[in-house]
Every structure is written in C-alpha cells, then in structure tokens.
Amino acid sequence: MSEAKRVTAAVLLIGDEVLSGRTADKNLQQIAQFLAPIGINVIECRTVPDEQDVIVDAVNTLRARADYVFTTGGIGPTHDDITADAIAAAFGLQIDVRADALEIIEEWYRKSGTPLTDSRKRMARIPDGASLIDNPVTGAPGFQTGNVFTLAGVPKIARGMLEDIAHRLEGGAVTLSRSVKGENLREGDIAARLGELQEQFPQVSIGSYPYFLEIQDGKIRRGTHLVARSTDQAALDQVIDTIAGYVAELGLVPQIDPDK
C-alpha cells in the first residue's frame, strides 16, 4: 500500500479587531480541529489588518505554500469589510454583486423580516468564478476561489460554513497524537534523552510542555506533558513507550493518554 500523502492548510485571520486584542480569535483552533480528522494539517497561521495590499500579499504567499487556505473575517456589510475585494485582487478577478448570492441574501432577510439595505447587499459581492459556501447561521455566503476558502470572522458562523467545505477537500494521512504526563517532572530532567529520541524517530514530532498549577495555600503543582504526533502508528507507540520508560526511570509515574 502506498503511503498517504501529506496535505496541508494555512489560516489567515483578517481584522484590526483581532490584532488590537479587542476580539479573541477562536477560528484557528476550530479550523485545525475540523481539518485534523480529514488528514489535513495546519502548518501556518497569519493575522493581518484590514488593508487590501497586506491581505493580497498574505493570500498569495499562503496559497502557494499550502494545499488549502482558510481566511476568516472581512466579508460583512461595513466599509472595512474588504476581504472579498482582496481575494479578487489576489486572483486577478473581477468582483460585483452576484445574482445567486443576492438571491440567498434576499430570501434570508425576507424570512427574518429585516430590511435589505444597500450595505447588506455588499455581502453578495463575489469574485468571478468563485463557488459559494453555504452559511446556515446568517445566510450571507462565504466563497471558494481556487484553493482559498473565505469564511466569516464570527466563530459560530465560520464553524457553520465549514460543514459545506469538507466534501471539497482531499485529505491525506491522519496525524495521530498520544502523550505522557509526568507529575513533578521537570523538562531539564528529560531534555537530552528526548533530543536523542527525536533523532532516532524523525517521523514523529515530540513536544515538551511544562505546566504550573496553583493549588491550596499558594503552593504550585507542576509537571510536564510530553506529546508525540505522527501518521505512523507503530512508530508513535514505540516513542510513547520509550518516553514512559524514561519517566519511570526518574522514579515518577507516567500517565499515558490515550492508553493502548
């Protein structure tokens, strides 16, 4: 059997409100979690302001680097919603209000009894040739241009749009993840051996993540999570067993998740 190919994605978060810290991003996490079971790994994420030239540059860079790109934000009805124009510019396409998108929006606002203003009609501006992405939350569609999927910035809406994307994606090998937690384990106690293990198993990504939890009377409960990720189940299991052995040799109890 031939080895499944590696399929990658990049996420572009668009909006001054994200960069200012006024809005906390949740889209990267939910997009990555949505793609992982399909066998698509997010390899890069960028956050850019509402500036067309910056968005265009980021889109063109990312779509050349990754198999798929997901943008979030900037497709609403206000003056600073310029993502659709930026996507059109990135692909060298014309853009205007499109009849199929306008029909969806008109029907949505008719059912909700809300006036359809000129500002709201801006959400029907779609680059020529782009495929619409269904929006089950608020009606106004996203769109796909080449390998770029343009989603709303509101996390609930973006998540709803993802349901109309899965069938358009070609996945690859699914990356599996297992971990070993060591209570009272310090990174320095195991760092050298982890480095040697990483060299022995280059097909497995090994990460070390210390944690510090405040408990009663100001005391600190500490330890380290050791996480391994790979598309190779056998190699992953071997690495986890080895790490657990390292932790046990230090006189600590390794907690393996998920266990075999």
C-alpha atoms as a PDB file:
ATOM      1  CA  MET A   1       0.000   0.000   0.000  1.00  0.00           C
ATOM      2  CA  SER A   2       1.374   3.406  -0.926  1.00  0.00           C
ATOM      3  CA  GLU A   3       1.894   5.895   1.855  1.00  0.00           C
ATOM      4  CA  ALA A   4      -0.854   8.533   2.132  1.00  0.00           C
ATOM      5  CA  LYS A   5       0.368  11.951   1.118  1.00  0.00           C
ATOM      6  CA  ARG A   6       0.756  14.902   3.456  1.00  0.00           C
ATOM      7  CA  VAL A   7      -1.914  17.539   2.914  1.00  0.00           C
ATOM      8  CA  THR A   8      -1.502  20.998   4.404  1.00  0.00           C
ATOM      9  CA  ALA A   9      -3.528  24.101   5.172  1.00  0.00           C
ATOM     10  CA  ALA A  10      -2.866  27.664   6.243  1.00  0.00           C
ATOM     11  CA  VAL A  11      -5.176  30.013   8.127  1.00  0.00           C
ATOM     12  CA  LEU A  12      -5.345  33.763   7.542  1.00  0.00           C
ATOM     13  CA  LEU A  13      -7.104  35.745  10.255  1.00  0.00           C
ATOM     14  CA  ILE A  14      -8.177  39.142   8.950  1.00  0.00           C
ATOM     15  CA  GLY A  15      -9.192  42.119  11.058  1.00  0.00           C
ATOM     16  CA  ASP A  16      -7.890  45.085  13.020  1.00  0.00           C
ATOM     17  CA  GLU A  17     -10.005  43.929  15.960  1.00  0.00           C
ATOM     18  CA  VAL A  18      -8.023  40.700  16.257  1.00  0.00           C
ATOM     19  CA  LEU A  19      -4.653  42.454  16.125  1.00  0.00           C
ATOM     20  CA  SER A  20      -5.742  45.012  18.713  1.00  0.00           C
ATOM     21  CA  GLY A  21      -6.733  42.299  21.161  1.00  0.00           C
ATOM     22  CA  ARG A  22     -10.300  43.564  21.233  1.00  0.00           C
ATOM     23  CA  THR A  23     -11.521  40.273  19.766  1.00  0.00           C
ATOM     24  CA  ALA A  24     -10.095  36.936  20.889  1.00  0.00           C
ATOM     25  CA  ASP A  25      -9.581  34.550  17.992  1.00  0.00           C
ATOM     26  CA  LYS A  26     -11.219  31.134  18.143  1.00  0.00           C
ATOM     27  CA  ASN A  27     -11.184  30.327  14.452  1.00  0.00           C
ATOM     28  CA  LEU A  28      -7.681  28.876  14.206  1.00  0.00           C
ATOM     29  CA  GLN A  29      -8.468  26.252  16.817  1.00  0.00           C
ATOM     30  CA  GLN A  30     -11.801  25.205  15.348  1.00  0.00           C
ATOM     31  CA  ILE A  31     -10.483  25.093  11.776  1.00  0.00           C
ATOM     32  CA  ALA A  32      -7.479  22.985  12.824  1.00  0.00           C
ATOM     33  CA  GLN A  33      -9.722  20.648  14.816  1.00  0.00           C
ATOM     34  CA  PHE A  34     -12.107  20.327  11.872  1.00  0.00           C
ATOM     35  CA  LEU A  35      -9.320  19.503   9.420  1.00  0.00           C
ATOM     36  CA  ALA A  36      -7.296  17.065  11.536  1.00  0.00           C
ATOM     37  CA  PRO A  37      -9.644  14.041  11.196  1.00  0.00           C
ATOM     38  CA  ILE A  38      -9.703  14.595   7.434  1.00  0.00           C
ATOM     39  CA  GLY A  39      -5.932  14.288   7.313  1.00  0.00           C
ATOM     40  CA  ILE A  40      -5.113  17.958   6.722  1.00  0.00           C
ATOM     41  CA  ASN A  41      -2.540  19.649   8.942  1.00  0.00           C
ATOM     42  CA  VAL A  42      -2.430  23.394   9.564  1.00  0.00           C
ATOM     43  CA  ILE A  43       1.185  24.440   9.001  1.00  0.00           C
ATOM     44  CA  GLU A  44       0.909  28.209   9.314  1.00  0.00           C
ATOM     45  CA  CYS A  45      -1.344  30.955  10.628  1.00  0.00           C
ATOM     46  CA  ARG A  46      -1.103  34.682  10.000  1.00  0.00           C
ATOM     47  CA  THR A  47      -3.058  37.617  11.358  1.00  0.00           C
ATOM     48  CA  VAL A  48      -3.301  40.719   9.174  1.00  0.00           C
ATOM     49  CA  PRO A  49      -5.088  44.085   9.364  1.00  0.00           C
ATOM     50  CA  ASP A  50      -7.927  45.323   7.168  1.00  0.00           C
ATOM     51  CA  GLU A  51      -5.538  46.535   4.487  1.00  0.00           C
ATOM     52  CA  GLN A  52      -6.054  45.203   0.973  1.00  0.00           C
ATOM     53  CA  ASP A  53      -2.405  45.099  -0.130  1.00  0.00           C
ATOM     54  CA  VAL A  54      -1.415  43.208   3.016  1.00  0.00           C
ATOM     55  CA  ILE A  55      -4.262  40.711   2.601  1.00  0.00           C
ATOM     56  CA  VAL A  56      -3.424  40.151  -1.073  1.00  0.00           C
ATOM     57  CA  ASP A  57       0.236  39.513  -0.286  1.00  0.00           C
ATOM     58  CA  ALA A  58      -0.617  37.073   2.510  1.00  0.00           C
ATOM     59  CA  VAL A  59      -3.183  35.183   0.421  1.00  0.00           C
ATOM     60  CA  ASN A  60      -0.793  34.754  -2.499  1.00  0.00           C
ATOM     61  CA  THR A  61       2.041  33.635  -0.243  1.00  0.00           C
ATOM     62  CA  LEU A  62      -0.049  31.130   1.669  1.00  0.00           C
ATOM     63  CA  ARG A  63      -1.906  29.645  -1.305  1.00  0.00           C
ATOM     64  CA  ALA A  64       1.437  28.876  -2.939  1.00  0.00           C
ATOM     65  CA  ARG A  65       2.761  27.278   0.239  1.00  0.00           C
ATOM     66  CA  ALA A  66      -0.209  25.184   1.418  1.00  0.00           C
ATOM     67  CA  ASP A  67      -2.711  22.906  -0.302  1.00  0.00           C
ATOM     68  CA  TYR A  68      -5.610  24.874   1.175  1.00  0.00           C
ATOM     69  CA  VAL A  69      -6.012  28.331   2.699  1.00  0.00           C
ATOM     70  CA  PHE A  70      -8.818  29.432   5.023  1.00  0.00           C
ATOM     71  CA  THR A  71      -9.447  33.138   5.561  1.00  0.00           C
ATOM     72  CA  THR A  72     -11.739  34.443   8.286  1.00  0.00           C
ATOM     73  CA  GLY A  73     -13.171  37.926   8.660  1.00  0.00           C
ATOM     74  CA  GLY A  74     -13.926  40.913   6.481  1.00  0.00           C
ATOM     75  CA  ILE A  75     -16.949  39.729   4.482  1.00  0.00           C
ATOM     76  CA  GLY A  76     -19.670  41.639   6.327  1.00  0.00           C
ATOM     77  CA  PRO A  77     -21.697  44.732   5.276  1.00  0.00           C
ATOM     78  CA  THR A  78     -19.469  47.567   6.538  1.00  0.00           C
ATOM     79  CA  HIS A  79     -16.859  49.761   4.844  1.00  0.00           C
ATOM     80  CA  ASP A  80     -13.928  47.899   6.395  1.00  0.00           C
ATOM     81  CA  ASP A  81     -15.101  44.517   5.087  1.00  0.00           C
ATOM     82  CA  ILE A  82     -12.667  44.334   2.186  1.00  0.00           C
ATOM     83  CA  THR A  83     -11.705  40.666   2.124  1.00  0.00           C
ATOM     84  CA  ALA A  84     -13.785  39.811  -0.956  1.00  0.00           C
ATOM     85  CA  ASP A  85     -12.083  42.603  -2.910  1.00  0.00           C
ATOM     86  CA  ALA A  86      -8.676  41.444  -1.691  1.00  0.00           C
ATOM     87  CA  ILE A  87      -9.337  37.843  -2.759  1.00  0.00           C
ATOM     88  CA  ALA A  88     -10.448  39.042  -6.194  1.00  0.00           C
ATOM     89  CA  ALA A  89      -7.288  41.139  -6.491  1.00  0.00           C
ATOM     90  CA  ALA A  90      -5.097  38.235  -5.385  1.00  0.00           C
ATOM     91  CA  PHE A  91      -6.500  36.057  -8.172  1.00  0.00           C
ATOM     92  CA  GLY A  92      -6.757  38.850 -10.742  1.00  0.00           C
ATOM     93  CA  LEU A  93     -10.561  38.549 -10.938  1.00  0.00           C
ATOM     94  CA  GLN A  94     -13.427  40.991 -11.319  1.00  0.00           C
ATOM     95  CA  ILE A  95     -15.922  41.301  -8.465  1.00  0.00           C
ATOM     96  CA  ASP A  96     -19.506  42.503  -8.236  1.00  0.00           C
ATOM     97  CA  VAL A  97     -22.859  41.657  -6.679  1.00  0.00           C
ATOM     98  CA  ARG A  98     -23.697  38.210  -7.980  1.00  0.00           C
ATOM     99  CA  ALA A  99     -27.257  37.105  -8.648  1.00  0.00           C
ATOM    100  CA  ASP A 100     -27.056  33.714  -6.901  1.00  0.00           C
ATOM    101  CA  ALA A 101     -25.535  35.207  -3.754  1.00  0.00           C
ATOM    102  CA  LEU A 102     -28.017  38.105  -3.761  1.00  0.00           C
ATOM    103  CA  GLU A 103     -30.927  35.690  -4.105  1.00  0.00           C
ATOM    104  CA  ILE A 104     -29.794  33.817  -0.980  1.00  0.00           C
ATOM    105  CA  ILE A 105     -29.447  37.032   0.995  1.00  0.00           C
ATOM    106  CA  GLU A 106     -32.795  38.406  -0.214  1.00  0.00           C
ATOM    107  CA  GLU A 107     -34.584  35.233   0.847  1.00  0.00           C
ATOM    108  CA  TRP A 108     -32.860  35.209   4.230  1.00  0.00           C
ATOM    109  CA  TYR A 109     -33.812  38.798   5.035  1.00  0.00           C
ATOM    110  CA  ARG A 110     -37.327  38.295   3.709  1.00  0.00           C
ATOM    111  CA  LYS A 111     -37.868  35.401   6.125  1.00  0.00           C
ATOM    112  CA  SER A 112     -36.428  37.359   9.026  1.00  0.00           C
ATOM    113  CA  GLY A 113     -38.478  40.451   8.242  1.00  0.00           C
ATOM    114  CA  THR A 114     -35.347  42.595   8.092  1.00  0.00           C
ATOM    115  CA  PRO A 115     -34.862  45.354   5.511  1.00  0.00           C
ATOM    116  CA  LEU A 116     -32.288  44.539   2.833  1.00  0.00           C
ATOM    117  CA  THR A 117     -30.187  47.682   2.678  1.00  0.00           C
ATOM    118  CA  ASP A 118     -27.511  48.525   0.127  1.00  0.00           C
ATOM    119  CA  SER A 119     -24.920  47.841   2.809  1.00  0.00           C
ATOM    120  CA  ARG A 120     -26.251  44.325   3.295  1.00  0.00           C
ATOM    121  CA  LYS A 121     -26.242  43.747  -0.445  1.00  0.00           C
ATOM    122  CA  ARG A 122     -22.452  44.217  -0.302  1.00  0.00           C
ATOM    123  CA  MET A 123     -22.311  40.712   1.188  1.00  0.00           C
ATOM    124  CA  ALA A 124     -23.384  39.390  -2.232  1.00  0.00           C
ATOM    125  CA  ARG A 125     -20.231  40.735  -3.889  1.00  0.00           C
ATOM    126  CA  ILE A 126     -18.372  37.600  -5.009  1.00  0.00           C
ATOM    127  CA  PRO A 127     -15.248  37.247  -7.197  1.00  0.00           C
ATOM    128  CA  ASP A 128     -15.991  35.964 -10.700  1.00  0.00           C
ATOM    129  CA  GLY A 129     -15.978  32.167 -10.889  1.00  0.00           C
ATOM    130  CA  ALA A 130     -15.887  31.592  -7.133  1.00  0.00           C
ATOM    131  CA  SER A 131     -18.074  28.844  -5.657  1.00  0.00           C
ATOM    132  CA  LEU A 132     -20.441  29.828  -2.866  1.00  0.00           C
ATOM    133  CA  ILE A 133     -20.114  28.365   0.627  1.00  0.00           C
ATOM    134  CA  ASP A 134     -23.378  27.862   2.484  1.00  0.00           C
ATOM    135  CA  ASN A 135     -23.957  29.888   5.650  1.00  0.00           C
ATOM    136  CA  PRO A 136     -26.599  28.152   7.792  1.00  0.00           C
ATOM    137  CA  VAL A 137     -26.314  30.736  10.581  1.00  0.00           C
ATOM    138  CA  THR A 138     -26.935  34.134   8.980  1.00  0.00           C
ATOM    139  CA  GLY A 139     -27.451  33.381   5.286  1.00  0.00           C
ATOM    140  CA  ALA A 140     -24.741  35.535   3.683  1.00  0.00           C
ATOM    141  CA  PRO A 141     -22.478  33.034   1.918  1.00  0.00           C
ATOM    142  CA  GLY A 142     -18.739  32.599   2.005  1.00  0.00           C
ATOM    143  CA  PHE A 143     -16.952  31.523  -1.150  1.00  0.00           C
ATOM    144  CA  GLN A 144     -14.172  29.349  -2.550  1.00  0.00           C
ATOM    145  CA  THR A 145     -11.667  30.731  -5.044  1.00  0.00           C
ATOM    146  CA  GLY A 146      -9.189  28.118  -6.205  1.00  0.00           C
ATOM    147  CA  ASN A 147      -7.702  26.574  -3.067  1.00  0.00           C
ATOM    148  CA  VAL A 148      -8.768  29.521  -0.873  1.00  0.00           C
ATOM    149  CA  PHE A 149     -11.889  29.320   1.287  1.00  0.00           C
ATOM    150  CA  THR A 150     -13.208  32.663   2.531  1.00  0.00           C
ATOM    151  CA  LEU A 151     -15.236  32.436   5.731  1.00  0.00           C
ATOM    152  CA  ALA A 152     -16.911  34.856   8.125  1.00  0.00           C
ATOM    153  CA  GLY A 153     -14.983  36.077  11.144  1.00  0.00           C
ATOM    154  CA  VAL A 154     -17.647  35.295  13.757  1.00  0.00           C
ATOM    155  CA  PRO A 155     -16.635  31.845  15.069  1.00  0.00           C
ATOM    156  CA  LYS A 156     -20.170  30.405  15.125  1.00  0.00           C
ATOM    157  CA  ILE A 157     -20.737  31.430  11.507  1.00  0.00           C
ATOM    158  CA  ALA A 158     -17.312  30.223  10.385  1.00  0.00           C
ATOM    159  CA  ARG A 159     -17.939  26.854  12.004  1.00  0.00           C
ATOM    160  CA  GLY A 160     -21.274  26.531  10.234  1.00  0.00           C
ATOM    161  CA  MET A 161     -19.615  27.286   6.896  1.00  0.00           C
ATOM    162  CA  LEU A 162     -17.072  24.518   7.405  1.00  0.00           C
ATOM    163  CA  GLU A 163     -19.853  21.957   7.005  1.00  0.00           C
ATOM    164  CA  ASP A 164     -20.127  22.932   3.323  1.00  0.00           C
ATOM    165  CA  ILE A 165     -16.394  22.540   2.798  1.00  0.00           C
ATOM    166  CA  ALA A 166     -15.463  19.014   3.904  1.00  0.00           C
ATOM    167  CA  HIS A 167     -16.695  17.387   0.681  1.00  0.00           C
ATOM    168  CA  ARG A 168     -14.482  19.739  -1.352  1.00  0.00           C
ATOM    169  CA  LEU A 169     -11.271  18.679   0.393  1.00  0.00           C
ATOM    170  CA  GLU A 170      -8.877  15.879  -0.433  1.00  0.00           C
ATOM    171  CA  GLY A 171      -7.386  14.625   2.806  1.00  0.00           C
ATOM    172  CA  GLY A 172      -4.160  12.793   3.445  1.00  0.00           C
ATOM    173  CA  ALA A 173      -2.636  10.757   6.217  1.00  0.00           C
ATOM    174  CA  VAL A 174      -4.295  11.483   9.561  1.00  0.00           C
ATOM    175  CA  THR A 175      -1.878  12.681  12.216  1.00  0.00           C
ATOM    176  CA  LEU A 176      -2.277  10.736  15.452  1.00  0.00           C
ATOM    177  CA  SER A 177      -1.425  12.101  18.876  1.00  0.00           C
ATOM    178  CA  ARG A 178      -0.509  10.492  22.195  1.00  0.00           C
ATOM    179  CA  SER A 179       1.006  11.920  25.339  1.00  0.00           C
ATOM    180  CA  VAL A 180       2.751  11.070  28.578  1.00  0.00           C
ATOM    181  CA  LYS A 181       2.242  13.273  31.641  1.00  0.00           C
ATOM    182  CA  GLY A 182       4.767  13.264  34.437  1.00  0.00           C
ATOM    183  CA  GLU A 183       3.757  14.891  37.726  1.00  0.00           C
ATOM    184  CA  ASN A 184       6.772  16.721  39.203  1.00  0.00           C
ATOM    185  CA  LEU A 185       8.743  16.068  36.021  1.00  0.00           C
ATOM    186  CA  ARG A 186      10.965  18.975  35.024  1.00  0.00           C
ATOM    187  CA  GLU A 187      11.838  19.489  31.384  1.00  0.00           C
ATOM    188  CA  GLY A 188      15.541  19.568  32.112  1.00  0.00           C
ATOM    189  CA  ASP A 189      15.400  16.091  33.637  1.00  0.00           C
ATOM    190  CA  ILE A 190      14.488  14.526  30.319  1.00  0.00           C
ATOM    191  CA  ALA A 191      15.506  17.043  27.647  1.00  0.00           C
ATOM    192  CA  ALA A 192      18.701  15.328  26.483  1.00  0.00           C
ATOM    193  CA  ARG A 193      17.053  11.936  26.105  1.00  0.00           C
ATOM    194  CA  LEU A 194      14.123  13.441  24.203  1.00  0.00           C
ATOM    195  CA  GLY A 195      16.565  15.027  21.778  1.00  0.00           C
ATOM    196  CA  GLU A 196      18.212  11.671  21.133  1.00  0.00           C
ATOM    197  CA  LEU A 197      14.802  10.021  20.715  1.00  0.00           C
ATOM    198  CA  GLN A 198      13.744  12.681  18.200  1.00  0.00           C
ATOM    199  CA  GLU A 199      16.826  11.930  16.106  1.00  0.00           C
ATOM    200  CA  GLN A 200      16.013   8.222  16.239  1.00  0.00           C
ATOM    201  CA  PHE A 201      12.388   8.791  15.146  1.00  0.00           C
ATOM    202  CA  PRO A 202      12.330  11.757  12.718  1.00  0.00           C
ATOM    203  CA  GLN A 203       8.855  10.720  11.515  1.00  0.00           C
ATOM    204  CA  VAL A 204       7.457  11.503  14.978  1.00  0.00           C
ATOM    205  CA  SER A 205       7.106  15.055  16.284  1.00  0.00           C
ATOM    206  CA  ILE A 206       7.937  15.197  20.006  1.00  0.00           C
ATOM    207  CA  GLY A 207       6.959  18.202  22.108  1.00  0.00           C
ATOM    208  CA  SER A 208       7.581  19.059  25.757  1.00  0.00           C
ATOM    209  CA  TYR A 209       5.083  21.297  27.592  1.00  0.00           C
ATOM    210  CA  PRO A 210       5.602  22.172  31.274  1.00  0.00           C
ATOM    211  CA  TYR A 211       2.620  23.166  33.405  1.00  0.00           C
ATOM    212  CA  PHE A 212       2.278  25.037  36.679  1.00  0.00           C
ATOM    213  CA  LEU A 213      -0.993  24.910  38.619  1.00  0.00           C
ATOM    214  CA  GLU A 214      -1.631  26.918  41.759  1.00  0.00           C
ATOM    215  CA  ILE A 215      -3.286  24.850  44.479  1.00  0.00           C
ATOM    216  CA  GLN A 216      -4.198  25.498  48.124  1.00  0.00           C
ATOM    217  CA  ASP A 217      -2.089  27.794  50.308  1.00  0.00           C
ATOM    218  CA  GLY A 218      -0.287  29.227  47.279  1.00  0.00           C
ATOM    219  CA  LYS A 219       1.531  26.011  46.557  1.00  0.00           C
ATOM    220  CA  ILE A 220       2.377  25.067  42.991  1.00  0.00           C
ATOM    221  CA  ARG A 221       1.655  21.748  41.362  1.00  0.00           C
ATOM    222  CA  ARG A 222       3.995  21.242  38.457  1.00  0.00           C
ATOM    223  CA  GLY A 223       4.886  18.708  35.823  1.00  0.00           C
ATOM    224  CA  THR A 224       5.438  18.195  32.120  1.00  0.00           C
ATOM    225  CA  HIS A 225       3.280  16.933  29.277  1.00  0.00           C
ATOM    226  CA  LEU A 226       5.278  15.090  26.630  1.00  0.00           C
ATOM    227  CA  VAL A 227       3.299  14.924  23.386  1.00  0.00           C
ATOM    228  CA  ALA A 228       4.122  12.835  20.312  1.00  0.00           C
ATOM    229  CA  ARG A 229       2.387  13.196  16.925  1.00  0.00           C
ATOM    230  CA  SER A 230       2.804  11.111  13.796  1.00  0.00           C
ATOM    231  CA  THR A 231       0.996   9.452  10.903  1.00  0.00           C
ATOM    232  CA  ASP A 232       2.920   6.253  11.728  1.00  0.00           C
ATOM    233  CA  GLN A 233       1.007   4.411  14.472  1.00  0.00           C
ATOM    234  CA  ALA A 234       3.750   1.853  15.176  1.00  0.00           C
ATOM    235  CA  ALA A 235       6.485   4.481  15.486  1.00  0.00           C
ATOM    236  CA  LEU A 236       4.216   6.664  17.620  1.00  0.00           C
ATOM    237  CA  ASP A 237       3.511   3.815  20.043  1.00  0.00           C
ATOM    238  CA  GLN A 238       7.201   2.969  20.280  1.00  0.00           C
ATOM    239  CA  VAL A 239       8.092   6.571  21.091  1.00  0.00           C
ATOM    240  CA  ILE A 240       5.377   6.802  23.752  1.00  0.00           C
ATOM    241  CA  ASP A 241       6.516   3.550  25.374  1.00  0.00           C
ATOM    242  CA  THR A 242      10.092   4.822  25.416  1.00  0.00           C
ATOM    243  CA  ILE A 243       9.129   8.172  26.945  1.00  0.00           C
ATOM    244  CA  ALA A 244       7.058   6.412  29.599  1.00  0.00           C
ATOM    245  CA  GLY A 245      10.133   4.350  30.401  1.00  0.00           C
ATOM    246  CA  TYR A 246      12.245   7.489  30.788  1.00  0.00           C
ATOM    247  CA  VAL A 247       9.711   8.971  33.224  1.00  0.00           C
ATOM    248  CA  ALA A 248       9.542   5.738  35.241  1.00  0.00           C
ATOM    249  CA  GLU A 249      13.342   5.624  35.490  1.00  0.00           C
ATOM    250  CA  LEU A 250      13.205   9.010  37.218  1.00  0.00           C
ATOM    251  CA  GLY A 251      11.022   7.486  39.928  1.00  0.00           C
ATOM    252  CA  LEU A 252       7.829   9.086  38.651  1.00  0.00           C
ATOM    253  CA  VAL A 253       4.563   7.540  37.469  1.00  0.00           C
ATOM    254  CA  PRO A 254       3.968   8.070  33.734  1.00  0.00           C
ATOM    255  CA  GLN A 255       0.352   8.835  32.836  1.00  0.00           C
ATOM    256  CA  ILE A 256      -0.288   7.789  29.232  1.00  0.00           C
ATOM    257  CA  ASP A 257      -3.128   9.265  27.168  1.00  0.00           C
ATOM    258  CA  PRO A 258      -4.708   7.747  25.251  1.00  0.00           C
ATOM    259  CA  ASP A 259      -3.638   4.376  26.515  1.00  0.00           C
ATOM    260  CA  LYS A 260      -3.436   1.405  24.200  1.00  0.00           C
END
